[in-house]
C-alpha atoms as a PDB file:
ATOM      1  CA  MET A   1      -4.536 -48.171 -27.847  1.00  0.00           C
ATOM      2  CA  ASP A   2      -5.716 -46.824 -30.922  1.00  0.00           C
ATOM      3  CA  THR A   3      -9.475 -46.461 -31.461  1.00  0.00           C
ATOM      4  CA  VAL A   4     -11.098 -48.942 -33.696  1.00  0.00           C
ATOM      5  CA  CYS A   5     -14.148 -47.498 -35.314  1.00  0.00           C
ATOM      6  CA  PRO A   6     -16.841 -50.688 -36.927  1.00  0.00           C
ATOM      7  CA  PRO A   7     -17.113 -50.316 -40.715  1.00  0.00           C
ATOM      8  CA  SER A   8     -19.654 -48.817 -42.892  1.00  0.00           C
ATOM      9  CA  ARG A   9     -19.739 -51.118 -45.789  1.00  0.00           C
ATOM     10  CA  ASP A  10     -23.060 -53.765 -46.495  1.00  0.00           C
ATOM     11  CA  SER A  11     -23.530 -56.940 -47.399  1.00  0.00           C
ATOM     12  CA  SER A  12     -20.959 -58.569 -45.535  1.00  0.00           C
ATOM     13  CA  LEU A  13     -22.984 -60.579 -42.707  1.00  0.00           C
ATOM     14  CA  VAL A  14     -23.845 -63.753 -43.372  1.00  0.00           C
ATOM     15  CA  ASN A  15     -26.351 -66.220 -41.570  1.00  0.00           C
ATOM     16  CA  THR A  16     -25.160 -69.933 -42.366  1.00  0.00           C
ATOM     17  CA  ASN A  17     -26.058 -73.251 -41.143  1.00  0.00           C
ATOM     18  CA  THR A  18     -23.508 -75.045 -43.264  1.00  0.00           C
ATOM     19  CA  GLN A  19     -20.127 -76.383 -42.276  1.00  0.00           C
ATOM     20  CA  GLU A  20     -18.246 -74.448 -45.238  1.00  0.00           C
ATOM     21  CA  GLN A  21     -16.409 -71.570 -43.632  1.00  0.00           C
ATOM     22  CA  ILE A  22     -17.002 -68.232 -45.846  1.00  0.00           C
ATOM     23  CA  PRO A  23     -13.317 -67.456 -47.020  1.00  0.00           C
ATOM     24  CA  ASN A  24     -12.039 -64.281 -45.434  1.00  0.00           C
ATOM     25  CA  SER A  25     -14.328 -64.132 -42.477  1.00  0.00           C
ATOM     26  CA  ILE A  26     -14.600 -65.399 -38.975  1.00  0.00           C
ATOM     27  CA  HIS A  27     -17.026 -67.988 -37.893  1.00  0.00           C
ATOM     28  CA  ILE A  28     -18.739 -66.959 -34.590  1.00  0.00           C
ATOM     29  CA  LYS A  29     -21.788 -68.116 -32.256  1.00  0.00           C
ATOM     30  CA  LEU A  30     -23.316 -66.606 -29.461  1.00  0.00           C
ATOM     31  CA  ILE A  31     -24.559 -69.146 -27.000  1.00  0.00           C
ATOM     32  CA  PRO A  32     -26.816 -68.531 -23.880  1.00  0.00           C
ATOM     33  CA  ASN A  33     -24.802 -68.597 -20.737  1.00  0.00           C
ATOM     34  CA  VAL A  34     -27.277 -70.576 -18.559  1.00  0.00           C
ATOM     35  CA  GLU A  35     -26.239 -70.386 -14.856  1.00  0.00           C
ATOM     36  CA  MET A  36     -27.029 -72.835 -12.152  1.00  0.00           C
ATOM     37  CA  THR A  37     -28.206 -70.439  -9.900  1.00  0.00           C
ATOM     38  CA  ASN A  38     -30.137 -67.632 -11.588  1.00  0.00           C
ATOM     39  CA  ARG A  39     -32.798 -67.710 -14.393  1.00  0.00           C
ATOM     40  CA  CYS A  40     -31.488 -66.580 -17.622  1.00  0.00           C
ATOM     41  CA  PHE A  41     -32.825 -65.163 -20.783  1.00  0.00           C
ATOM     42  CA  VAL A  42     -33.117 -68.096 -23.258  1.00  0.00           C
ATOM     43  CA  PHE A  43     -32.844 -67.293 -27.107  1.00  0.00           C
ATOM     44  CA  ASP A  44     -31.659 -69.416 -30.232  1.00  0.00           C
ATOM     45  CA  VAL A  45     -27.953 -70.226 -30.495  1.00  0.00           C
ATOM     46  CA  ILE A  46     -26.707 -66.935 -33.272  1.00  0.00           C
ATOM     47  CA  ASP A  47     -24.561 -68.892 -35.166  1.00  0.00           C
ATOM     48  CA  ARG A  48     -23.083 -66.152 -38.040  1.00  0.00           C
ATOM     49  CA  ASP A  49     -19.575 -65.881 -40.614  1.00  0.00           C
ATOM     50  CA  LEU A  50     -18.219 -61.847 -39.901  1.00  0.00           C
ATOM     51  CA  ILE A  51     -16.321 -61.005 -42.983  1.00  0.00           C
ATOM     52  CA  LYS A  52     -12.678 -59.514 -42.305  1.00  0.00           C
ATOM     53  CA  GLY A  53     -13.717 -55.584 -42.298  1.00  0.00           C
ATOM     54  CA  GLY A  54     -16.789 -55.982 -43.071  1.00  0.00           C
ATOM     55  CA  SER A  55     -20.169 -54.601 -41.709  1.00  0.00           C
ATOM     56  CA  SER A  56     -21.151 -54.763 -38.262  1.00  0.00           C
ATOM     57  CA  LEU A  57     -23.365 -56.618 -36.401  1.00  0.00           C
ATOM     58  CA  LYS A  58     -26.152 -54.568 -34.404  1.00  0.00           C
ATOM     59  CA  LEU A  59     -27.136 -55.760 -31.178  1.00  0.00           C
ATOM     60  CA  GLY A  60     -30.728 -54.408 -29.805  1.00  0.00           C
ATOM     61  CA  ARG A  61     -34.361 -55.058 -28.565  1.00  0.00           C
ATOM     62  CA  TYR A  62     -36.972 -56.325 -30.588  1.00  0.00           C
ATOM     63  CA  SER A  63     -39.494 -54.100 -32.683  1.00  0.00           C
ATOM     64  CA  ASP A  64     -42.306 -54.984 -34.316  1.00  0.00           C
ATOM     65  CA  ARG A  65     -41.151 -53.029 -37.213  1.00  0.00           C
ATOM     66  CA  ALA A  66     -39.755 -54.432 -40.729  1.00  0.00           C
ATOM     67  CA  ALA A  67     -36.341 -56.838 -39.704  1.00  0.00           C
ATOM     68  CA  VAL A  68     -33.456 -54.591 -40.333  1.00  0.00           C
ATOM     69  CA  PRO A  69     -30.358 -55.976 -42.157  1.00  0.00           C
ATOM     70  CA  ASN A  70     -27.619 -57.369 -39.825  1.00  0.00           C
ATOM     71  CA  ARG A  71     -29.126 -56.570 -36.575  1.00  0.00           C
ATOM     72  CA  LEU A  72     -30.216 -59.257 -33.619  1.00  0.00           C
ATOM     73  CA  SER A  73     -32.995 -58.493 -31.290  1.00  0.00           C
ATOM     74  CA  PHE A  74     -33.748 -59.508 -28.344  1.00  0.00           C
ATOM     75  CA  LYS A  75     -37.254 -59.682 -26.438  1.00  0.00           C
ATOM     76  CA  SER A  76     -36.073 -58.264 -23.255  1.00  0.00           C
ATOM     77  CA  LYS A  77     -36.895 -54.449 -21.910  1.00  0.00           C
ATOM     78  CA  VAL A  78     -33.436 -54.418 -20.113  1.00  0.00           C
ATOM     79  CA  VAL A  79     -32.157 -54.282 -23.982  1.00  0.00           C
ATOM     80  CA  SER A  80     -32.186 -51.069 -25.513  1.00  0.00           C
ATOM     81  CA  ARG A  81     -33.454 -50.495 -28.905  1.00  0.00           C
ATOM     82  CA  TYR A  82     -29.769 -49.706 -30.672  1.00  0.00           C
ATOM     83  CA  HIS A  83     -27.841 -51.822 -27.871  1.00  0.00           C
ATOM     84  CA  ALA A  84     -24.129 -52.579 -28.875  1.00  0.00           C
ATOM     85  CA  GLU A  85     -22.153 -53.687 -32.013  1.00  0.00           C
ATOM     86  CA  ILE A  86     -19.728 -56.476 -32.743  1.00  0.00           C
ATOM     87  CA  TRP A  87     -17.472 -56.633 -36.261  1.00  0.00           C
ATOM     88  CA  VAL A  88     -14.458 -57.984 -37.317  1.00  0.00           C
ATOM     89  CA  SER A  89     -11.313 -55.671 -38.365  1.00  0.00           C
ATOM     90  CA  ASP A  90      -9.256 -56.072 -41.256  1.00  0.00           C
ATOM     91  CA  ASP A  91      -6.371 -58.027 -39.443  1.00  0.00           C
ATOM     92  CA  GLY A  92      -9.518 -60.600 -38.271  1.00  0.00           C
ATOM     93  CA  LYS A  93      -9.605 -58.922 -34.528  1.00  0.00           C
ATOM     94  CA  ILE A  94     -13.428 -59.566 -33.243  1.00  0.00           C
ATOM     95  CA  TYR A  95     -14.423 -56.199 -30.976  1.00  0.00           C
ATOM     96  CA  ILE A  96     -17.471 -54.916 -29.473  1.00  0.00           C
ATOM     97  CA  LYS A  97     -18.699 -51.026 -28.933  1.00  0.00           C
ATOM     98  CA  ASP A  98     -22.041 -50.041 -26.636  1.00  0.00           C
ATOM     99  CA  SER A  99     -23.876 -48.020 -28.434  1.00  0.00           C
ATOM    100  CA  GLY A 100     -25.326 -45.256 -25.651  1.00  0.00           C
ATOM    101  CA  SER A 101     -27.506 -48.463 -24.164  1.00  0.00           C
ATOM    102  CA  SER A 102     -29.180 -47.049 -20.839  1.00  0.00           C
ATOM    103  CA  SER A 103     -29.013 -50.258 -18.848  1.00  0.00           C
ATOM    104  CA  GLY A 104     -24.944 -51.153 -20.300  1.00  0.00           C
ATOM    105  CA  THR A 105     -23.002 -53.764 -21.989  1.00  0.00           C
ATOM    106  CA  PHE A 106     -20.187 -55.933 -20.373  1.00  0.00           C
ATOM    107  CA  VAL A 107     -17.827 -57.956 -21.246  1.00  0.00           C
ATOM    108  CA  ASN A 108     -16.274 -60.242 -18.578  1.00  0.00           C
ATOM    109  CA  HIS A 109     -18.336 -58.588 -16.108  1.00  0.00           C
ATOM    110  CA  ILE A 110     -16.911 -55.065 -16.594  1.00  0.00           C
ATOM    111  CA  ARG A 111     -19.187 -52.324 -18.106  1.00  0.00           C
ATOM    112  CA  LEU A 112     -17.556 -50.750 -20.758  1.00  0.00           C
ATOM    113  CA  THR A 113     -18.961 -47.173 -20.502  1.00  0.00           C
ATOM    114  CA  THR A 114     -21.585 -45.661 -18.198  1.00  0.00           C
ATOM    115  CA  ALA A 115     -25.393 -44.820 -18.863  1.00  0.00           C
ATOM    116  CA  ASN A 116     -26.338 -43.434 -22.395  1.00  0.00           C
ATOM    117  CA  SER A 117     -22.871 -42.660 -23.703  1.00  0.00           C
ATOM    118  CA  GLU A 118     -21.611 -44.616 -26.620  1.00  0.00           C
ATOM    119  CA  SER A 119     -17.994 -46.413 -26.271  1.00  0.00           C
ATOM    120  CA  THR A 120     -14.838 -43.943 -27.212  1.00  0.00           C
ATOM    121  CA  LYS A 121     -12.685 -46.991 -27.592  1.00  0.00           C
ATOM    122  CA  ALA A 122     -14.035 -50.582 -29.213  1.00  0.00           C
ATOM    123  CA  HIS A 123     -13.116 -53.731 -26.478  1.00  0.00           C
ATOM    124  CA  GLU A 124     -11.865 -56.602 -28.160  1.00  0.00           C
ATOM    125  CA  ILE A 125     -13.297 -59.876 -27.695  1.00  0.00           C
ATOM    126  CA  ILE A 126     -11.832 -63.612 -27.715  1.00  0.00           C
ATOM    127  CA  ASP A 127     -13.357 -67.004 -27.879  1.00  0.00           C
ATOM    128  CA  GLY A 128     -14.957 -67.798 -24.323  1.00  0.00           C
ATOM    129  CA  ASP A 129     -15.631 -64.211 -23.320  1.00  0.00           C
ATOM    130  CA  LEU A 130     -18.738 -63.484 -21.303  1.00  0.00           C
ATOM    131  CA  ILE A 131     -21.262 -60.794 -23.038  1.00  0.00           C
ATOM    132  CA  GLN A 132     -23.845 -59.280 -21.132  1.00  0.00           C
ATOM    133  CA  LEU A 133     -26.421 -56.869 -22.579  1.00  0.00           C
ATOM    134  CA  GLY A 134     -28.361 -54.913 -19.551  1.00  0.00           C
ATOM    135  CA  VAL A 135     -29.215 -55.627 -15.962  1.00  0.00           C
ATOM    136  CA  ASP A 136     -32.029 -57.593 -14.583  1.00  0.00           C
ATOM    137  CA  TYR A 137     -35.184 -55.423 -13.646  1.00  0.00           C
ATOM    138  CA  LYS A 138     -37.852 -56.751 -11.061  1.00  0.00           C
ATOM    139  CA  GLY A 139     -35.465 -59.845 -10.415  1.00  0.00           C
ATOM    140  CA  GLY A 140     -35.272 -61.084 -13.165  1.00  0.00           C
ATOM    141  CA  ILE A 141     -38.640 -63.095 -12.438  1.00  0.00           C
ATOM    142  CA  GLU A 142     -39.985 -62.914 -15.526  1.00  0.00           C
ATOM    143  CA  PRO A 143     -37.979 -63.456 -18.844  1.00  0.00           C
ATOM    144  CA  VAL A 144     -39.189 -59.799 -20.163  1.00  0.00           C
ATOM    145  CA  TYR A 145     -37.102 -58.413 -17.303  1.00  0.00           C
ATOM    146  CA  ARG A 146     -34.059 -60.503 -17.700  1.00  0.00           C
ATOM    147  CA  SER A 147     -30.790 -59.340 -19.360  1.00  0.00           C
ATOM    148  CA  VAL A 148     -29.169 -60.859 -22.119  1.00  0.00           C
ATOM    149  CA  LYS A 149     -26.335 -63.321 -21.245  1.00  0.00           C
ATOM    150  CA  MET A 150     -23.998 -65.085 -23.891  1.00  0.00           C
ATOM    151  CA  ARG A 151     -21.085 -66.430 -24.482  1.00  0.00           C
ATOM    152  CA  LEU A 152     -18.569 -65.754 -27.547  1.00  0.00           C
ATOM    153  CA  GLU A 153     -17.347 -69.090 -29.830  1.00  0.00           C
ATOM    154  CA  VAL A 154     -15.121 -68.283 -32.499  1.00  0.00           C
ATOM    155  CA  ASN A 155     -14.058 -70.788 -35.011  1.00  0.00           C
ATOM    156  CA  ARG A 156     -15.254 -73.780 -33.293  1.00  0.00           C
ATOM    157  CA  ARG A 157     -15.812 -76.911 -34.911  1.00  0.00           C
ATOM    158  CA  GLU A 158     -19.475 -78.417 -34.447  1.00  0.00           C
ATOM    159  CA  TRP A 159     -19.237 -80.753 -31.227  1.00  0.00           C
ATOM    160  CA  ARG A 160     -21.991 -82.557 -32.767  1.00  0.00           C
ATOM    161  CA  GLU A 161     -19.537 -83.899 -35.540  1.00  0.00           C
ATOM    162  CA  PHE A 162     -18.895 -87.122 -34.794  1.00  0.00           C
ATOM    163  CA  GLN A 163     -15.504 -86.835 -36.985  1.00  0.00           C
ATOM    164  CA  SER A 164     -14.680 -84.194 -34.060  1.00  0.00           C
ATOM    165  CA  ASN A 165     -15.779 -85.535 -30.576  1.00  0.00           C
ATOM    166  CA  THR A 166     -15.528 -89.099 -30.203  1.00  0.00           C
ATOM    167  CA  TYR A 167     -15.837 -89.296 -26.522  1.00  0.00           C
ATOM    168  CA  ASN A 168     -19.712 -89.041 -26.982  1.00  0.00           C
ATOM    169  CA  LEU A 169     -19.755 -91.790 -29.642  1.00  0.00           C
ATOM    170  CA  ALA A 170     -17.467 -93.902 -26.991  1.00  0.00           C
ATOM    171  CA  ALA A 171     -20.031 -92.960 -23.936  1.00  0.00           C
ATOM    172  CA  PHE A 172     -23.008 -93.883 -25.946  1.00  0.00           C
ATOM    173  CA  GLN A 173     -21.585 -97.304 -26.973  1.00  0.00           C
ATOM    174  CA  GLN A 174     -20.549 -98.078 -23.371  1.00  0.00           C
ATOM    175  CA  LEU A 175     -24.001 -97.004 -21.961  1.00  0.00           C
ATOM    176  CA  ARG A 176     -25.922 -99.273 -24.500  1.00  0.00           C
ATOM    177  CA  GLN A 177     -23.239-102.154 -23.500  1.00  0.00           C
ATOM    178  CA  GLN A 178     -24.015-101.501 -19.761  1.00  0.00           C
ATOM    179  CA  LEU A 179     -27.715-101.475 -20.546  1.00  0.00           C
ATOM    180  CA  SER A 180     -27.576-104.877 -22.385  1.00  0.00           C
ATOM    181  CA  GLN A 181     -25.295-106.508 -19.986  1.00  0.00           C
ATOM    182  CA  THR A 182     -27.118-109.610 -18.134  1.00  0.00           C
ATOM    183  CA  THR A 183     -27.338-109.676 -14.525  1.00  0.00           C
ATOM    184  CA  SER A 184     -25.203-112.876 -14.290  1.00  0.00           C
ATOM    185  CA  ASN A 185     -22.270-110.732 -15.481  1.00  0.00           C
ATOM    186  CA  THR A 186     -22.301-108.999 -12.300  1.00  0.00           C
ATOM    187  CA  LYS A 187     -22.168-112.152 -10.390  1.00  0.00           C
ATOM    188  CA  ASN A 188     -18.913-113.779 -11.970  1.00  0.00           C
ATOM    189  CA  THR A 189     -15.973-113.909  -9.580  1.00  0.00           C
ATOM    190  CA  GLY A 190     -13.561-111.506  -9.319  1.00  0.00           C
ATOM    191  CA  TYR A 191     -15.861-109.362 -12.456  1.00  0.00           C
ATOM    192  CA  LYS A 192     -15.427-105.534 -10.697  1.00  0.00           C
ATOM    193  CA  GLU A 193     -18.031-103.505 -12.645  1.00  0.00           C
ATOM    194  CA  GLU A 194     -17.084 -99.818 -12.784  1.00  0.00           C
ATOM    195  CA  VAL A 195     -19.682 -97.854 -11.216  1.00  0.00           C
ATOM    196  CA  GLN A 196     -20.610 -93.855 -12.315  1.00  0.00           C
ATOM    197  CA  GLU A 197     -21.533 -91.555  -9.621  1.00  0.00           C
ATOM    198  CA  CYS A 198     -24.212 -88.555 -10.052  1.00  0.00           C
ATOM    199  CA  CYS A 199     -21.875 -85.293 -10.046  1.00  0.00           C
ATOM    200  CA  ILE A 200     -24.699 -83.944  -8.544  1.00  0.00           C
ATOM    201  CA  CYS A 201     -25.478 -86.089  -5.341  1.00  0.00           C
ATOM    202  CA  LEU A 202     -22.078 -88.124  -5.348  1.00  0.00           C
ATOM    203  CA  TYR A 203     -24.175 -91.392  -5.086  1.00  0.00           C
ATOM    204  CA  CYS A 204     -24.189 -94.184  -7.816  1.00  0.00           C
ATOM    205  CA  ILE A 205     -25.905 -94.362 -11.483  1.00  0.00           C
ATOM    206  CA  ALA A 206     -27.356 -97.810 -10.884  1.00  0.00           C
ATOM    207  CA  PRO A 207     -30.480 -99.800 -12.461  1.00  0.00           C
ATOM    208  CA  PHE A 208     -34.009 -98.778 -11.483  1.00  0.00           C
ATOM    209  CA  GLN A 209     -33.724 -95.641 -11.130  1.00  0.00           C
ATOM    210  CA  ALA A 210     -34.901 -92.089 -13.094  1.00  0.00           C
ATOM    211  CA  LEU A 211     -31.663 -91.258 -15.300  1.00  0.00           C
ATOM    212  CA  PHE A 212     -31.233 -88.008 -17.667  1.00  0.00           C
ATOM    213  CA  ILE A 213     -28.622 -88.459 -20.657  1.00  0.00           C
ATOM    214  CA  ALA A 214     -27.817 -85.069 -21.882  1.00  0.00           C
ATOM    215  CA  PRO A 215     -26.818 -84.714 -25.442  1.00  0.00           C
ATOM    216  CA  CYS A 216     -22.942 -84.831 -24.067  1.00  0.00           C
ATOM    217  CA  SER A 217     -23.672 -88.053 -23.211  1.00  0.00           C
ATOM    218  CA  HIS A 218     -23.121 -87.088 -19.536  1.00  0.00           C
ATOM    219  CA  VAL A 219     -25.623 -88.711 -16.935  1.00  0.00           C
ATOM    220  CA  TYR A 220     -27.490 -87.586 -13.811  1.00  0.00           C
ATOM    221  CA  HIS A 221     -30.124 -88.712 -11.782  1.00  0.00           C
ATOM    222  CA  TYR A 222     -33.455 -86.661 -13.220  1.00  0.00           C
ATOM    223  CA  ARG A 223     -34.403 -85.939  -9.631  1.00  0.00           C
ATOM    224  CA  CYS A 224     -30.617 -84.325  -9.039  1.00  0.00           C
ATOM    225  CA  LEU A 225     -30.775 -82.218 -12.161  1.00  0.00           C
ATOM    226  CA  ARG A 226     -34.250 -81.737 -12.302  1.00  0.00           C
ATOM    227  CA  PRO A 227     -34.382 -78.393 -11.309  1.00  0.00           C
ATOM    228  CA  LEU A 228     -31.845 -76.744 -13.509  1.00  0.00           C
ATOM    229  CA  LEU A 229     -33.939 -78.430 -16.549  1.00  0.00           C
ATOM    230  CA  ILE A 230     -37.047 -76.846 -15.356  1.00  0.00           C
ATOM    231  CA  GLN A 231     -35.382 -73.417 -14.630  1.00  0.00           C
ATOM    232  CA  ASN A 232     -34.093 -72.293 -18.168  1.00  0.00           C
ATOM    233  CA  TYR A 233     -36.052 -74.995 -19.875  1.00  0.00           C
ATOM    234  CA  PRO A 234     -35.410 -75.229 -23.184  1.00  0.00           C
ATOM    235  CA  GLY A 235     -31.904 -74.494 -22.434  1.00  0.00           C
ATOM    236  CA  PHE A 236     -29.932 -76.369 -20.827  1.00  0.00           C
ATOM    237  CA  SER A 237     -26.193 -75.984 -20.207  1.00  0.00           C
ATOM    238  CA  CYS A 238     -24.046 -79.491 -18.956  1.00  0.00           C
ATOM    239  CA  PRO A 239     -23.558 -78.799 -15.363  1.00  0.00           C
ATOM    240  CA  LEU A 240     -19.723 -80.817 -16.486  1.00  0.00           C
ATOM    241  CA  CYS A 241     -18.609 -79.807 -19.669  1.00  0.00           C
ATOM    242  CA  ARG A 242     -20.786 -76.248 -19.524  1.00  0.00           C
ATOM    243  CA  THR A 243     -21.833 -77.490 -23.350  1.00  0.00           C
ATOM    244  CA  TYR A 244     -25.261 -75.564 -24.112  1.00  0.00           C
ATOM    245  CA  SER A 245     -28.176 -78.007 -25.559  1.00  0.00           C
ATOM    246  CA  ASN A 246     -32.014 -77.005 -26.695  1.00  0.00           C
ATOM    247  CA  LEU A 247     -33.696 -79.667 -25.224  1.00  0.00           C
ATOM    248  CA  GLU A 248     -36.530 -78.964 -27.903  1.00  0.00           C
ATOM    249  CA  ALA A 249     -34.341 -79.541 -30.464  1.00  0.00           C
ATOM    250  CA  SER A 250     -35.572 -81.664 -33.197  1.00  0.00           C
ATOM    251  CA  VAL A 251     -35.149 -85.656 -32.784  1.00  0.00           C
ATOM    252  CA  THR A 252     -36.120 -87.232 -36.185  1.00  0.00           C
ATOM    253  CA  VAL A 253     -32.710 -88.827 -36.697  1.00  0.00           C
ATOM    254  CA  GLU A 254     -33.219 -92.169 -39.007  1.00  0.00           C
ATOM    255  CA  GLU A 255     -32.168 -95.954 -38.142  1.00  0.00           C
ATOM    256  CA  SER A 256     -28.994 -95.325 -41.439  1.00  0.00           C
ATOM    257  CA  GLU A 257     -28.062 -92.190 -39.927  1.00  0.00           C
ATOM    258  CA  VAL A 258     -27.679 -93.865 -36.426  1.00  0.00           C
ATOM    259  CA  LEU A 259     -26.046 -96.790 -37.879  1.00  0.00           C
ATOM    260  CA  GLU A 260     -23.891 -94.338 -39.881  1.00  0.00           C
ATOM    261  CA  MET A 261     -22.601 -92.190 -36.396  1.00  0.00           C
ATOM    262  CA  LEU A 262     -21.681 -95.802 -34.686  1.00  0.00           C
ATOM    263  CA  GLY A 263     -19.796 -96.880 -37.738  1.00  0.00           C
ATOM    264  CA  LEU A 264     -22.052-100.011 -38.081  1.00  0.00           C
ATOM    265  CA  VAL A 265     -22.667 -99.059 -41.908  1.00  0.00           C
ATOM    266  CA  GLU A 266     -19.568 -99.949 -43.702  1.00  0.00           C
ATOM    267  CA  ASN A 267     -18.186-103.020 -41.460  1.00  0.00           C
ATOM    268  CA  ILE A 268     -21.898-104.670 -42.245  1.00  0.00           C
ATOM    269  CA  VAL A 269     -21.781-104.099 -45.546  1.00  0.00           C
ATOM    270  CA  ASP A 270     -18.468-105.237 -46.159  1.00  0.00           C
ATOM    271  CA  MET A 271     -19.376-108.319 -44.718  1.00  0.00           C
ATOM    272  CA  PRO A 272     -19.885-111.367 -46.798  1.00  0.00           C
ATOM    273  CA  LEU A 273     -23.451-112.592 -45.901  1.00  0.00           C
ATOM    274  CA  SER A 274     -22.039-116.044 -45.185  1.00  0.00           C
ATOM    275  CA  GLY A 275     -19.620-114.739 -42.192  1.00  0.00           C
ATOM    276  CA  ARG A 276     -22.500-112.247 -40.103  1.00  0.00           C
ATOM    277  CA  ASP A 277     -23.221-113.774 -36.749  1.00  0.00           C
ATOM    278  CA  GLU A 278     -26.575-114.108 -36.210  1.00  0.00           C
ATOM    279  CA  GLY A 279     -26.839-111.147 -34.162  1.00  0.00           C
ATOM    280  CA  GLU A 280     -24.877-108.835 -36.949  1.00  0.00           C
ATOM    281  CA  ASP A 281     -28.215-109.581 -39.297  1.00  0.00           C
ATOM    282  CA  ASP A 282     -30.399-108.505 -36.689  1.00  0.00           C
ATOM    283  CA  ILE A 283     -28.706-104.954 -36.366  1.00  0.00           C
ATOM    284  CA  MET A 284     -29.258-104.514 -40.362  1.00  0.00           C
ATOM    285  CA  PRO A 285     -32.922-105.121 -40.678  1.00  0.00           C
ATOM    286  CA  SER A 286     -33.484-102.477 -43.360  1.00  0.00           C
ATOM    287  CA  LEU A 287     -30.756-104.291 -45.914  1.00  0.00           C
ATOM    288  CA  ASP A 288     -32.572-107.805 -45.364  1.00  0.00           C
ATOM    289  CA  HIS A 289     -35.645-106.377 -46.091  1.00  0.00           C
ATOM    290  CA  HIS A 290     -34.475-104.782 -48.659  1.00  0.00           C
ATOM    291  CA  TYR A 291     -32.816-108.152 -50.088  1.00  0.00           C
ATOM    292  CA  ASP A 292     -36.238-109.842 -49.889  1.00  0.00           C
ATOM    293  CA  LYS A 293     -38.028-107.078 -51.597  1.00  0.00           C
ATOM    294  CA  THR A 294     -35.945-107.258 -54.646  1.00  0.00           C
ATOM    295  CA  MET A 295     -36.073-111.183 -54.807  1.00  0.00           C
ATOM    296  CA  LEU A 296     -39.957-110.658 -54.304  1.00  0.00           C
ATOM    297  CA  THR A 297     -40.079-108.265 -57.352  1.00  0.00           C
ATOM    298  CA  GLU A 298     -38.197-110.510 -59.312  1.00  0.00           C
ATOM    299  CA  ASN A 299     -40.136-113.660 -59.069  1.00  0.00           C
ATOM    300  CA  VAL A 300     -43.603-111.928 -59.580  1.00  0.00           C
ATOM    301  CA  HIS A 301     -41.950-110.718 -63.097  1.00  0.00           C
ATOM    302  CA  GLN A 302     -40.642-113.974 -64.061  1.00  0.00           C
ATOM    303  CA  ALA A 303     -44.342-115.316 -63.389  1.00  0.00           C
ATOM    304  CA  ARG A 304     -45.573-112.743 -65.450  1.00  0.00           C
ATOM    305  CA  GLU A 305     -43.374-113.527 -68.191  1.00  0.00           C
ATOM    306  CA  ILE A 306     -44.187-117.450 -67.756  1.00  0.00           C
END
């Protein structure tokens, strides 16, 4: 394998929060690899577009000095100030190298080089690889002494896009239907309700239980999941699908946005008023309220003209 060196060009790393990918670039995410048994270093999800053949993304320990361009900093003492670099080559492959760290850089649990020595060869990394900076010190009890473990995602569609993940919407609709069912439905002869189980304790999800619904729509007993929620809070990794979520993420969602996600806006707006059922009018109170307000305004104007 030929030696691949990181390029030295500038202004080729872009931080983006939009869904549009920059041309001639590779979209990557670095997500905390939250484990079930050990405490982990939790950080905000890193979302970047790396231009092919552009400058490298430098990883290192946080410093109070002025921010350095194209640098990701972690407040952990086991991470060296100049720990590692990640870049994309001209052919679109992603590489990582150790920059001479004392505690080491690991890819899929394999150390790239010895202590205090820079990597002689770049190591190619792909989607799903695990990257670790440093090793835990003093048992990793305090966050400042924990190693930084992250999972690499490459050119993945945002799992929260309802166009790309219909499972979340279907699970949410099913949960709504189950919660809205009356007890008389379960008493019908020959009717067998599909009972969901908690994958941790393997007992049934039942009424009157404290439940936790993950952002990925998987449901658990809160009692079973509570140790995992506290261990790496606010970071959470679903035990079933391993989807990472920030439990402190904003929940400011308007009613119109929810109806759009559920596909109820177009159906209700296109439906004539005379063809709606009584229950469907309750789903869109905002439309009826707007209609009444408009009529009231017109009546006021007519009264003033008279």
